[in-house]
Amino acid sequence: MAMHWYVVTTLSAHEDKVKKLIERQKDKWPDGAKVGQVKIPLHEMAELRGGKKRIVKKKLMPGYVFIEAELTDELQHRIRSLPGVMGFVSAGTEPQILSEEEMHALFTEMGPAVAEEKQATRIFFTEGEIVRIIDGPFANFQGTIDDVNQEKGKVRVRVEIFGRATPVELDYLQVSKI
């Protein structure tokens, strides 16, 4: 029997705990060699907290852990009995096997070489769009976008200050759409 990918459902916010438990327990189980990789799909998102840009990791699929295993009834029972595990995603009574194409699509979307991280930008802007500045020295000013740099996540906004148009370069997180 070959190793296949399965999806384990967990209690909310228990994904990391379940992953660590499986990785720790597989060395103690007699059939632990039948467990391969254990993954939680994550991606990085930029967030503005306290006036500073921070990169935070968010779960792409909360409540799910992906496990590569040669699943026997005994191993399935061991995994199901771990604290925080609800069960397997199944078609009827048997756990559903994910195809290599599904796993490849899921994890290559998140980065190179089956990475578990990806930086994502939540907001996209266009030139000529009117925005409100929500952070920094020009907070609560409105302006028009002159230039968008999607690679850096920055926009250049033309703001009217004392009757003069002044260009200001801002992070995506410092402006909001009106």
N, C-alpha and C. Protein backbone atom coordinates (compact mmCIF):
# COMPACT_ATOMS: atom_id res chain seq x y z
N MET A 1 0.85 -1.19 0.00
CA MET A 1 0.00 0.00 0.00
C MET A 1 0.90 1.26 0.00
N ALA A 2 0.55 2.22 -0.80
CA ALA A 2 1.37 3.44 -0.95
C ALA A 2 0.84 4.55 -0.05
N MET A 3 1.69 5.55 0.14
CA MET A 3 1.29 6.71 0.93
C MET A 3 0.40 7.61 0.08
N HIS A 4 -0.62 8.15 0.74
CA HIS A 4 -1.55 9.08 0.10
C HIS A 4 -1.77 10.26 1.04
N TRP A 5 -2.31 11.34 0.49
CA TRP A 5 -2.63 12.53 1.29
C TRP A 5 -4.08 12.45 1.75
N TYR A 6 -4.30 12.79 3.03
CA TYR A 6 -5.63 12.81 3.63
C TYR A 6 -5.82 14.15 4.34
N VAL A 7 -7.06 14.50 4.56
CA VAL A 7 -7.37 15.75 5.26
C VAL A 7 -8.00 15.40 6.60
N VAL A 8 -7.39 15.89 7.68
CA VAL A 8 -7.89 15.68 9.03
C VAL A 8 -8.61 16.95 9.47
N THR A 9 -9.84 16.81 9.96
CA THR A 9 -10.55 17.98 10.47
C THR A 9 -10.25 18.11 11.96
N THR A 10 -10.07 19.37 12.39
CA THR A 10 -9.71 19.63 13.78
C THR A 10 -10.68 20.62 14.39
N LEU A 11 -10.61 20.74 15.69
CA LEU A 11 -11.35 21.80 16.36
C LEU A 11 -10.76 23.14 15.92
N SER A 12 -11.56 24.16 15.99
CA SER A 12 -11.08 25.49 15.59
C SER A 12 -9.88 25.90 16.42
N ALA A 13 -8.85 26.41 15.76
CA ALA A 13 -7.61 26.91 16.38
C ALA A 13 -6.77 25.80 17.02
N HIS A 14 -7.00 24.53 16.66
CA HIS A 14 -6.20 23.42 17.18
C HIS A 14 -5.30 22.81 16.12
N GLU A 15 -5.17 23.45 14.96
CA GLU A 15 -4.41 22.88 13.86
C GLU A 15 -2.94 22.66 14.24
N ASP A 16 -2.31 23.66 14.82
CA ASP A 16 -0.90 23.54 15.21
C ASP A 16 -0.71 22.46 16.26
N LYS A 17 -1.61 22.41 17.21
CA LYS A 17 -1.54 21.41 18.29
C LYS A 17 -1.66 20.00 17.71
N VAL A 18 -2.60 19.81 16.80
CA VAL A 18 -2.80 18.49 16.19
C VAL A 18 -1.57 18.10 15.36
N LYS A 19 -1.04 19.05 14.60
CA LYS A 19 0.16 18.76 13.78
C LYS A 19 1.31 18.31 14.67
N LYS A 20 1.56 19.05 15.76
CA LYS A 20 2.65 18.69 16.67
C LYS A 20 2.41 17.34 17.33
N LEU A 21 1.17 17.07 17.72
CA LEU A 21 0.84 15.79 18.35
C LEU A 21 1.10 14.62 17.40
N ILE A 22 0.67 14.76 16.15
CA ILE A 22 0.88 13.68 15.17
C ILE A 22 2.37 13.47 14.96
N GLU A 23 3.13 14.56 14.79
CA GLU A 23 4.56 14.43 14.56
C GLU A 23 5.29 13.82 15.76
N ARG A 24 4.83 14.16 16.96
CA ARG A 24 5.46 13.63 18.17
C ARG A 24 5.07 12.17 18.39
N GLN A 25 3.79 11.85 18.18
CA GLN A 25 3.29 10.51 18.48
C GLN A 25 3.70 9.47 17.45
N LYS A 26 3.94 9.89 16.20
CA LYS A 26 4.24 8.89 15.16
C LYS A 26 5.51 8.10 15.47
N ASP A 27 6.43 8.70 16.22
CA ASP A 27 7.65 7.97 16.60
C ASP A 27 7.36 6.92 17.67
N LYS A 28 6.28 7.11 18.42
CA LYS A 28 5.93 6.17 19.50
C LYS A 28 5.00 5.06 19.02
N TRP A 29 4.28 5.29 17.93
CA TRP A 29 3.34 4.30 17.43
C TRP A 29 4.07 3.17 16.71
N PRO A 30 3.59 1.93 16.86
CA PRO A 30 4.23 0.82 16.15
C PRO A 30 4.14 0.99 14.63
N ASP A 31 3.07 1.60 14.14
CA ASP A 31 2.89 1.83 12.71
C ASP A 31 3.18 3.30 12.34
N GLY A 32 3.98 3.97 13.15
CA GLY A 32 4.30 5.38 12.93
C GLY A 32 5.10 5.64 11.67
N ALA A 33 5.81 4.63 11.19
CA ALA A 33 6.58 4.80 9.96
C ALA A 33 5.66 4.98 8.75
N LYS A 34 4.40 4.66 8.92
CA LYS A 34 3.43 4.82 7.84
C LYS A 34 2.92 6.26 7.72
N VAL A 35 3.40 7.13 8.61
CA VAL A 35 3.01 8.54 8.57
C VAL A 35 4.17 9.33 7.96
N GLY A 36 3.87 10.09 6.94
CA GLY A 36 4.88 10.92 6.28
C GLY A 36 4.80 12.35 6.77
N GLN A 37 4.57 13.26 5.84
CA GLN A 37 4.53 14.68 6.16
C GLN A 37 3.18 15.08 6.76
N VAL A 38 3.22 16.12 7.59
CA VAL A 38 2.01 16.71 8.16
C VAL A 38 2.11 18.20 7.87
N LYS A 39 1.09 18.77 7.22
CA LYS A 39 1.16 20.17 6.79
C LYS A 39 -0.10 20.94 7.16
N ILE A 40 0.12 22.23 7.42
CA ILE A 40 -0.97 23.18 7.60
C ILE A 40 -0.73 24.26 6.56
N PRO A 41 -1.65 24.45 5.62
CA PRO A 41 -1.43 25.50 4.61
C PRO A 41 -1.51 26.89 5.23
N LEU A 42 -0.41 27.65 5.12
CA LEU A 42 -0.33 29.01 5.66
C LEU A 42 0.02 29.98 4.55
N HIS A 43 -0.33 31.24 4.74
CA HIS A 43 0.13 32.29 3.85
C HIS A 43 0.37 33.54 4.67
N GLU A 44 1.28 34.37 4.18
CA GLU A 44 1.64 35.58 4.90
C GLU A 44 0.81 36.74 4.37
N MET A 45 0.36 37.59 5.30
CA MET A 45 -0.39 38.77 4.92
C MET A 45 0.20 39.97 5.65
N ALA A 46 0.22 41.09 4.96
CA ALA A 46 0.70 42.33 5.58
C ALA A 46 -0.45 42.90 6.40
N GLU A 47 -0.12 43.41 7.56
CA GLU A 47 -1.12 43.95 8.47
C GLU A 47 -0.54 45.20 9.13
N LEU A 48 -1.38 46.18 9.40
CA LEU A 48 -0.93 47.40 10.03
C LEU A 48 -1.39 47.40 11.47
N ARG A 49 -0.43 47.39 12.41
CA ARG A 49 -0.74 47.41 13.85
C ARG A 49 0.13 48.45 14.51
N GLY A 50 -0.48 49.34 15.25
CA GLY A 50 0.27 50.36 15.97
C GLY A 50 1.09 51.23 15.05
N GLY A 51 0.59 51.45 13.84
CA GLY A 51 1.30 52.29 12.89
C GLY A 51 2.46 51.62 12.19
N LYS A 52 2.66 50.32 12.42
CA LYS A 52 3.77 49.60 11.80
C LYS A 52 3.25 48.44 10.97
N LYS A 53 3.90 48.24 9.83
CA LYS A 53 3.55 47.13 8.96
C LYS A 53 4.18 45.86 9.50
N ARG A 54 3.36 44.83 9.67
CA ARG A 54 3.85 43.54 10.15
C ARG A 54 3.36 42.46 9.21
N ILE A 55 4.16 41.44 9.05
CA ILE A 55 3.77 40.28 8.26
C ILE A 55 3.29 39.21 9.24
N VAL A 56 2.04 38.76 9.06
CA VAL A 56 1.48 37.74 9.94
C VAL A 56 1.10 36.51 9.11
N LYS A 57 1.21 35.36 9.72
CA LYS A 57 0.85 34.12 9.05
C LYS A 57 -0.61 33.80 9.37
N LYS A 58 -1.38 33.56 8.34
CA LYS A 58 -2.79 33.21 8.48
C LYS A 58 -3.00 31.81 7.91
N LYS A 59 -3.90 31.07 8.49
CA LYS A 59 -4.22 29.74 7.99
C LYS A 59 -5.09 29.89 6.74
N LEU A 60 -4.67 29.21 5.69
CA LEU A 60 -5.41 29.26 4.44
C LEU A 60 -6.71 28.47 4.56
N MET A 61 -6.68 27.39 5.30
CA MET A 61 -7.86 26.55 5.49
C MET A 61 -7.99 26.20 6.97
N PRO A 62 -8.57 27.11 7.77
CA PRO A 62 -8.70 26.85 9.20
C PRO A 62 -9.52 25.58 9.48
N GLY A 63 -9.05 24.81 10.45
CA GLY A 63 -9.77 23.60 10.84
C GLY A 63 -9.32 22.35 10.10
N TYR A 64 -8.29 22.47 9.26
CA TYR A 64 -7.83 21.32 8.49
C TYR A 64 -6.32 21.15 8.60
N VAL A 65 -5.89 19.88 8.68
CA VAL A 65 -4.48 19.52 8.66
C VAL A 65 -4.34 18.44 7.59
N PHE A 66 -3.31 18.56 6.77
CA PHE A 66 -3.07 17.60 5.71
C PHE A 66 -2.00 16.62 6.16
N ILE A 67 -2.29 15.32 5.96
CA ILE A 67 -1.37 14.29 6.43
C ILE A 67 -1.12 13.29 5.30
N GLU A 68 0.16 12.96 5.14
CA GLU A 68 0.55 11.95 4.16
C GLU A 68 0.76 10.66 4.95
N ALA A 69 0.04 9.63 4.57
CA ALA A 69 0.13 8.39 5.35
C ALA A 69 -0.29 7.19 4.51
N GLU A 70 0.17 6.04 4.98
CA GLU A 70 -0.30 4.76 4.48
C GLU A 70 -1.34 4.33 5.52
N LEU A 71 -2.57 4.74 5.31
CA LEU A 71 -3.60 4.68 6.34
C LEU A 71 -4.20 3.29 6.50
N THR A 72 -3.98 2.72 7.68
CA THR A 72 -4.62 1.46 8.05
C THR A 72 -5.73 1.79 9.03
N ASP A 73 -6.58 0.81 9.33
CA ASP A 73 -7.67 1.05 10.29
C ASP A 73 -7.11 1.43 11.66
N GLU A 74 -6.03 0.77 12.07
CA GLU A 74 -5.43 1.05 13.37
C GLU A 74 -4.83 2.45 13.43
N LEU A 75 -4.10 2.84 12.38
CA LEU A 75 -3.52 4.18 12.33
C LEU A 75 -4.61 5.25 12.27
N GLN A 76 -5.66 4.97 11.51
CA GLN A 76 -6.79 5.90 11.44
C GLN A 76 -7.40 6.10 12.82
N HIS A 77 -7.54 5.02 13.58
CA HIS A 77 -8.10 5.10 14.93
C HIS A 77 -7.17 5.90 15.85
N ARG A 78 -5.86 5.70 15.74
CA ARG A 78 -4.90 6.44 16.57
C ARG A 78 -5.00 7.95 16.30
N ILE A 79 -5.09 8.31 15.03
CA ILE A 79 -5.17 9.74 14.69
C ILE A 79 -6.48 10.33 15.16
N ARG A 80 -7.58 9.61 14.95
CA ARG A 80 -8.90 10.11 15.37
C ARG A 80 -8.99 10.29 16.89
N SER A 81 -8.22 9.51 17.64
CA SER A 81 -8.32 9.58 19.10
C SER A 81 -7.44 10.67 19.72
N LEU A 82 -6.67 11.40 18.90
CA LEU A 82 -5.85 12.49 19.42
C LEU A 82 -6.74 13.66 19.84
N PRO A 83 -6.36 14.37 20.92
CA PRO A 83 -7.14 15.53 21.33
C PRO A 83 -7.14 16.61 20.24
N GLY A 84 -8.32 17.15 19.97
CA GLY A 84 -8.47 18.21 18.98
C GLY A 84 -8.86 17.71 17.60
N VAL A 85 -8.76 16.39 17.37
CA VAL A 85 -9.10 15.82 16.06
C VAL A 85 -10.58 15.48 16.02
N MET A 86 -11.25 15.96 14.97
CA MET A 86 -12.67 15.65 14.79
C MET A 86 -12.85 14.40 13.93
N GLY A 87 -11.92 14.18 13.00
CA GLY A 87 -12.01 13.03 12.11
C GLY A 87 -11.31 13.33 10.80
N PHE A 88 -11.68 12.56 9.79
CA PHE A 88 -11.13 12.73 8.45
C PHE A 88 -12.21 13.24 7.52
N VAL A 89 -11.80 13.98 6.50
CA VAL A 89 -12.74 14.33 5.44
C VAL A 89 -12.96 13.03 4.69
N SER A 90 -14.22 12.61 4.58
CA SER A 90 -14.47 11.29 4.02
C SER A 90 -15.59 11.31 2.99
N ALA A 91 -15.54 10.29 2.15
CA ALA A 91 -16.61 10.01 1.20
C ALA A 91 -17.28 8.76 1.73
N GLY A 92 -18.33 8.94 2.47
CA GLY A 92 -18.99 7.80 3.11
C GLY A 92 -18.28 7.46 4.41
N THR A 93 -17.80 6.21 4.53
CA THR A 93 -17.15 5.79 5.76
C THR A 93 -15.63 5.81 5.66
N GLU A 94 -15.09 5.85 4.45
CA GLU A 94 -13.65 5.82 4.25
C GLU A 94 -13.09 7.23 4.04
N PRO A 95 -11.93 7.55 4.64
CA PRO A 95 -11.31 8.86 4.42
C PRO A 95 -11.02 9.09 2.94
N GLN A 96 -11.28 10.30 2.51
CA GLN A 96 -11.07 10.70 1.10
C GLN A 96 -9.58 10.88 0.83
N ILE A 97 -9.10 10.29 -0.26
CA ILE A 97 -7.71 10.45 -0.67
C ILE A 97 -7.63 11.66 -1.58
N LEU A 98 -6.68 12.56 -1.29
CA LEU A 98 -6.44 13.70 -2.17
C LEU A 98 -5.48 13.27 -3.27
N SER A 99 -5.74 13.73 -4.47
CA SER A 99 -4.85 13.39 -5.58
C SER A 99 -3.59 14.24 -5.49
N GLU A 100 -2.54 13.77 -6.13
CA GLU A 100 -1.28 14.52 -6.17
C GLU A 100 -1.49 15.87 -6.85
N GLU A 101 -2.38 15.92 -7.84
CA GLU A 101 -2.68 17.18 -8.53
C GLU A 101 -3.30 18.19 -7.58
N GLU A 102 -4.23 17.72 -6.73
CA GLU A 102 -4.86 18.62 -5.75
C GLU A 102 -3.84 19.16 -4.76
N MET A 103 -2.97 18.29 -4.25
CA MET A 103 -1.96 18.73 -3.30
C MET A 103 -0.96 19.66 -3.97
N HIS A 104 -0.56 19.32 -5.18
CA HIS A 104 0.39 20.16 -5.90
C HIS A 104 -0.22 21.54 -6.15
N ALA A 105 -1.47 21.58 -6.59
CA ALA A 105 -2.14 22.87 -6.84
C ALA A 105 -2.26 23.67 -5.56
N LEU A 106 -2.58 23.03 -4.46
CA LEU A 106 -2.76 23.73 -3.19
C LEU A 106 -1.44 24.30 -2.69
N PHE A 107 -0.38 23.52 -2.70
CA PHE A 107 0.87 23.97 -2.12
C PHE A 107 1.77 24.76 -3.08
N THR A 108 1.67 24.57 -4.40
CA THR A 108 2.45 25.41 -5.30
C THR A 108 1.84 26.79 -5.39
N GLU A 109 0.53 26.90 -5.16
CA GLU A 109 -0.13 28.20 -5.11
C GLU A 109 0.43 29.03 -3.97
N MET A 110 0.93 28.34 -2.94
CA MET A 110 1.44 29.03 -1.76
C MET A 110 2.93 29.30 -1.82
N GLY A 111 3.62 28.85 -2.84
CA GLY A 111 5.04 29.17 -2.92
C GLY A 111 5.85 28.07 -3.54
N PRO A 112 7.16 28.27 -3.71
CA PRO A 112 8.01 27.29 -4.36
C PRO A 112 8.28 26.07 -3.49
N ALA A 113 8.51 24.96 -4.15
CA ALA A 113 8.94 23.71 -3.50
C ALA A 113 8.05 23.29 -2.35
N VAL A 114 6.75 23.24 -2.58
CA VAL A 114 5.76 22.82 -1.59
C VAL A 114 5.94 23.60 -0.29
N ALA A 115 6.06 24.89 -0.40
CA ALA A 115 6.23 25.75 0.77
C ALA A 115 4.91 25.88 1.51
N GLU A 116 4.98 26.31 2.76
CA GLU A 116 3.78 26.50 3.54
C GLU A 116 3.49 27.98 3.74
N GLU A 117 4.13 28.85 2.96
CA GLU A 117 3.94 30.27 3.17
C GLU A 117 3.76 30.98 1.84
N LYS A 118 3.08 32.11 1.90
CA LYS A 118 2.90 32.95 0.73
C LYS A 118 2.56 34.34 1.22
N GLN A 119 3.17 35.35 0.60
CA GLN A 119 2.80 36.71 0.96
C GLN A 119 1.68 37.15 0.04
N ALA A 120 0.61 37.63 0.60
CA ALA A 120 -0.54 38.06 -0.18
C ALA A 120 -0.84 39.52 0.09
N THR A 121 -1.34 40.17 -0.92
CA THR A 121 -1.78 41.54 -0.75
C THR A 121 -3.30 41.52 -0.88
N ARG A 122 -3.96 42.12 0.07
CA ARG A 122 -5.41 42.05 0.11
C ARG A 122 -6.11 43.05 -0.79
N ILE A 123 -5.50 44.20 -1.06
CA ILE A 123 -6.19 45.29 -1.72
C ILE A 123 -5.43 45.69 -2.97
N PHE A 124 -6.17 45.97 -4.03
CA PHE A 124 -5.57 46.46 -5.26
C PHE A 124 -6.17 47.81 -5.59
N PHE A 125 -5.33 48.72 -6.04
CA PHE A 125 -5.75 50.07 -6.37
C PHE A 125 -5.47 50.36 -7.83
N THR A 126 -6.16 51.37 -8.38
CA THR A 126 -5.93 51.79 -9.75
C THR A 126 -5.63 53.27 -9.79
N GLU A 127 -4.91 53.69 -10.82
CA GLU A 127 -4.56 55.10 -10.98
C GLU A 127 -5.83 55.91 -11.19
N GLY A 128 -5.87 57.10 -10.59
CA GLY A 128 -7.03 57.98 -10.70
C GLY A 128 -8.09 57.76 -9.64
N GLU A 129 -7.94 56.71 -8.86
CA GLU A 129 -8.91 56.38 -7.82
C GLU A 129 -8.73 57.33 -6.62
N ILE A 130 -9.85 57.74 -6.02
CA ILE A 130 -9.80 58.61 -4.84
C ILE A 130 -9.79 57.73 -3.60
N VAL A 131 -8.83 58.01 -2.70
CA VAL A 131 -8.68 57.21 -1.49
C VAL A 131 -8.58 58.12 -0.26
N ARG A 132 -8.78 57.53 0.90
CA ARG A 132 -8.61 58.22 2.17
C ARG A 132 -7.37 57.65 2.85
N ILE A 133 -6.53 58.51 3.37
CA ILE A 133 -5.33 58.08 4.09
C ILE A 133 -5.75 57.79 5.53
N ILE A 134 -5.44 56.59 6.01
CA ILE A 134 -5.91 56.18 7.33
C ILE A 134 -4.80 56.09 8.36
N ASP A 135 -3.53 56.27 7.94
CA ASP A 135 -2.44 56.15 8.87
C ASP A 135 -1.29 57.06 8.45
N GLY A 136 -0.54 57.54 9.42
CA GLY A 136 0.63 58.38 9.14
C GLY A 136 0.33 59.85 9.35
N PRO A 137 1.26 60.70 8.97
CA PRO A 137 1.10 62.14 9.22
C PRO A 137 -0.04 62.77 8.42
N PHE A 138 -0.48 62.12 7.34
CA PHE A 138 -1.56 62.67 6.53
C PHE A 138 -2.88 61.94 6.77
N ALA A 139 -3.04 61.32 7.93
CA ALA A 139 -4.26 60.59 8.26
C ALA A 139 -5.47 61.50 8.12
N ASN A 140 -6.56 60.95 7.60
CA ASN A 140 -7.85 61.61 7.38
C ASN A 140 -7.85 62.54 6.17
N PHE A 141 -6.75 62.63 5.41
CA PHE A 141 -6.74 63.39 4.16
C PHE A 141 -7.25 62.49 3.04
N GLN A 142 -7.80 63.09 2.00
CA GLN A 142 -8.20 62.37 0.81
C GLN A 142 -7.26 62.76 -0.32
N GLY A 143 -7.05 61.86 -1.26
CA GLY A 143 -6.20 62.16 -2.38
C GLY A 143 -6.49 61.26 -3.56
N THR A 144 -5.82 61.54 -4.65
CA THR A 144 -5.99 60.77 -5.88
C THR A 144 -4.72 59.97 -6.14
N ILE A 145 -4.88 58.70 -6.52
CA ILE A 145 -3.73 57.84 -6.78
C ILE A 145 -3.11 58.22 -8.12
N ASP A 146 -1.80 58.52 -8.09
CA ASP A 146 -1.04 58.84 -9.30
C ASP A 146 -0.33 57.61 -9.84
N ASP A 147 0.17 56.75 -8.95
CA ASP A 147 0.97 55.61 -9.39
C ASP A 147 0.76 54.45 -8.43
N VAL A 148 0.75 53.23 -8.97
CA VAL A 148 0.59 52.02 -8.16
C VAL A 148 1.79 51.11 -8.41
N ASN A 149 2.48 50.69 -7.32
CA ASN A 149 3.59 49.76 -7.41
C ASN A 149 3.18 48.49 -6.67
N GLN A 150 2.63 47.52 -7.42
CA GLN A 150 2.09 46.32 -6.79
C GLN A 150 3.18 45.42 -6.22
N GLU A 151 4.38 45.43 -6.80
CA GLU A 151 5.46 44.58 -6.28
C GLU A 151 5.84 44.99 -4.86
N LYS A 152 5.88 46.30 -4.62
CA LYS A 152 6.24 46.80 -3.30
C LYS A 152 5.03 47.03 -2.40
N GLY A 153 3.82 46.98 -2.97
CA GLY A 153 2.62 47.23 -2.18
C GLY A 153 2.49 48.70 -1.79
N LYS A 154 2.90 49.59 -2.71
CA LYS A 154 2.88 51.02 -2.41
C LYS A 154 2.10 51.77 -3.47
N VAL A 155 1.56 52.92 -3.07
CA VAL A 155 0.86 53.82 -3.99
C VAL A 155 1.40 55.23 -3.78
N ARG A 156 1.40 56.03 -4.86
CA ARG A 156 1.74 57.43 -4.73
C ARG A 156 0.43 58.20 -4.86
N VAL A 157 0.09 58.94 -3.81
CA VAL A 157 -1.18 59.65 -3.72
C VAL A 157 -0.90 61.16 -3.79
N ARG A 158 -1.67 61.85 -4.61
CA ARG A 158 -1.57 63.31 -4.70
C ARG A 158 -2.57 63.90 -3.70
N VAL A 159 -2.02 64.60 -2.68
CA VAL A 159 -2.83 65.16 -1.59
C VAL A 159 -2.78 66.69 -1.69
N GLU A 160 -3.90 67.34 -1.49
CA GLU A 160 -3.99 68.80 -1.52
C GLU A 160 -3.67 69.32 -0.12
N ILE A 161 -2.51 70.03 -0.01
CA ILE A 161 -2.10 70.60 1.27
C ILE A 161 -1.82 72.09 1.05
N PHE A 162 -2.51 72.94 1.77
CA PHE A 162 -2.37 74.40 1.65
C PHE A 162 -2.54 74.86 0.21
N GLY A 163 -3.48 74.26 -0.50
CA GLY A 163 -3.77 74.69 -1.86
C GLY A 163 -2.81 74.14 -2.91
N ARG A 164 -1.89 73.26 -2.53
CA ARG A 164 -0.94 72.69 -3.47
C ARG A 164 -1.05 71.17 -3.48
N ALA A 165 -0.93 70.59 -4.65
CA ALA A 165 -0.95 69.13 -4.78
C ALA A 165 0.43 68.59 -4.43
N THR A 166 0.47 67.72 -3.42
CA THR A 166 1.72 67.16 -2.95
C THR A 166 1.69 65.64 -3.11
N PRO A 167 2.68 65.03 -3.80
CA PRO A 167 2.70 63.57 -3.92
C PRO A 167 3.25 62.93 -2.63
N VAL A 168 2.58 61.90 -2.18
CA VAL A 168 2.97 61.19 -0.97
C VAL A 168 3.00 59.69 -1.30
N GLU A 169 4.12 59.01 -0.99
CA GLU A 169 4.19 57.57 -1.21
C GLU A 169 3.75 56.86 0.06
N LEU A 170 2.78 55.96 -0.08
CA LEU A 170 2.19 55.27 1.06
C LEU A 170 2.11 53.78 0.79
N ASP A 171 2.08 53.03 1.86
CA ASP A 171 1.87 51.59 1.81
C ASP A 171 0.39 51.33 1.53
N TYR A 172 0.07 50.19 0.90
CA TYR A 172 -1.33 49.83 0.67
C TYR A 172 -2.16 49.89 1.96
N LEU A 173 -1.54 49.53 3.07
CA LEU A 173 -2.26 49.45 4.33
C LEU A 173 -2.54 50.82 4.94
N GLN A 174 -1.94 51.87 4.39
CA GLN A 174 -2.14 53.21 4.92
C GLN A 174 -3.28 53.95 4.24
N VAL A 175 -3.87 53.35 3.21
CA VAL A 175 -4.97 54.00 2.50
C VAL A 175 -6.15 53.06 2.41
N SER A 176 -7.33 53.66 2.28
CA SER A 176 -8.53 52.84 2.08
C SER A 176 -9.37 53.45 0.97
N LYS A 177 -10.10 52.59 0.30
CA LYS A 177 -10.98 53.03 -0.77
C LYS A 177 -12.17 53.79 -0.18
N ILE A 178 -12.63 54.77 -0.92
CA ILE A 178 -13.80 55.55 -0.45
C ILE A 178 -15.04 54.95 -1.06
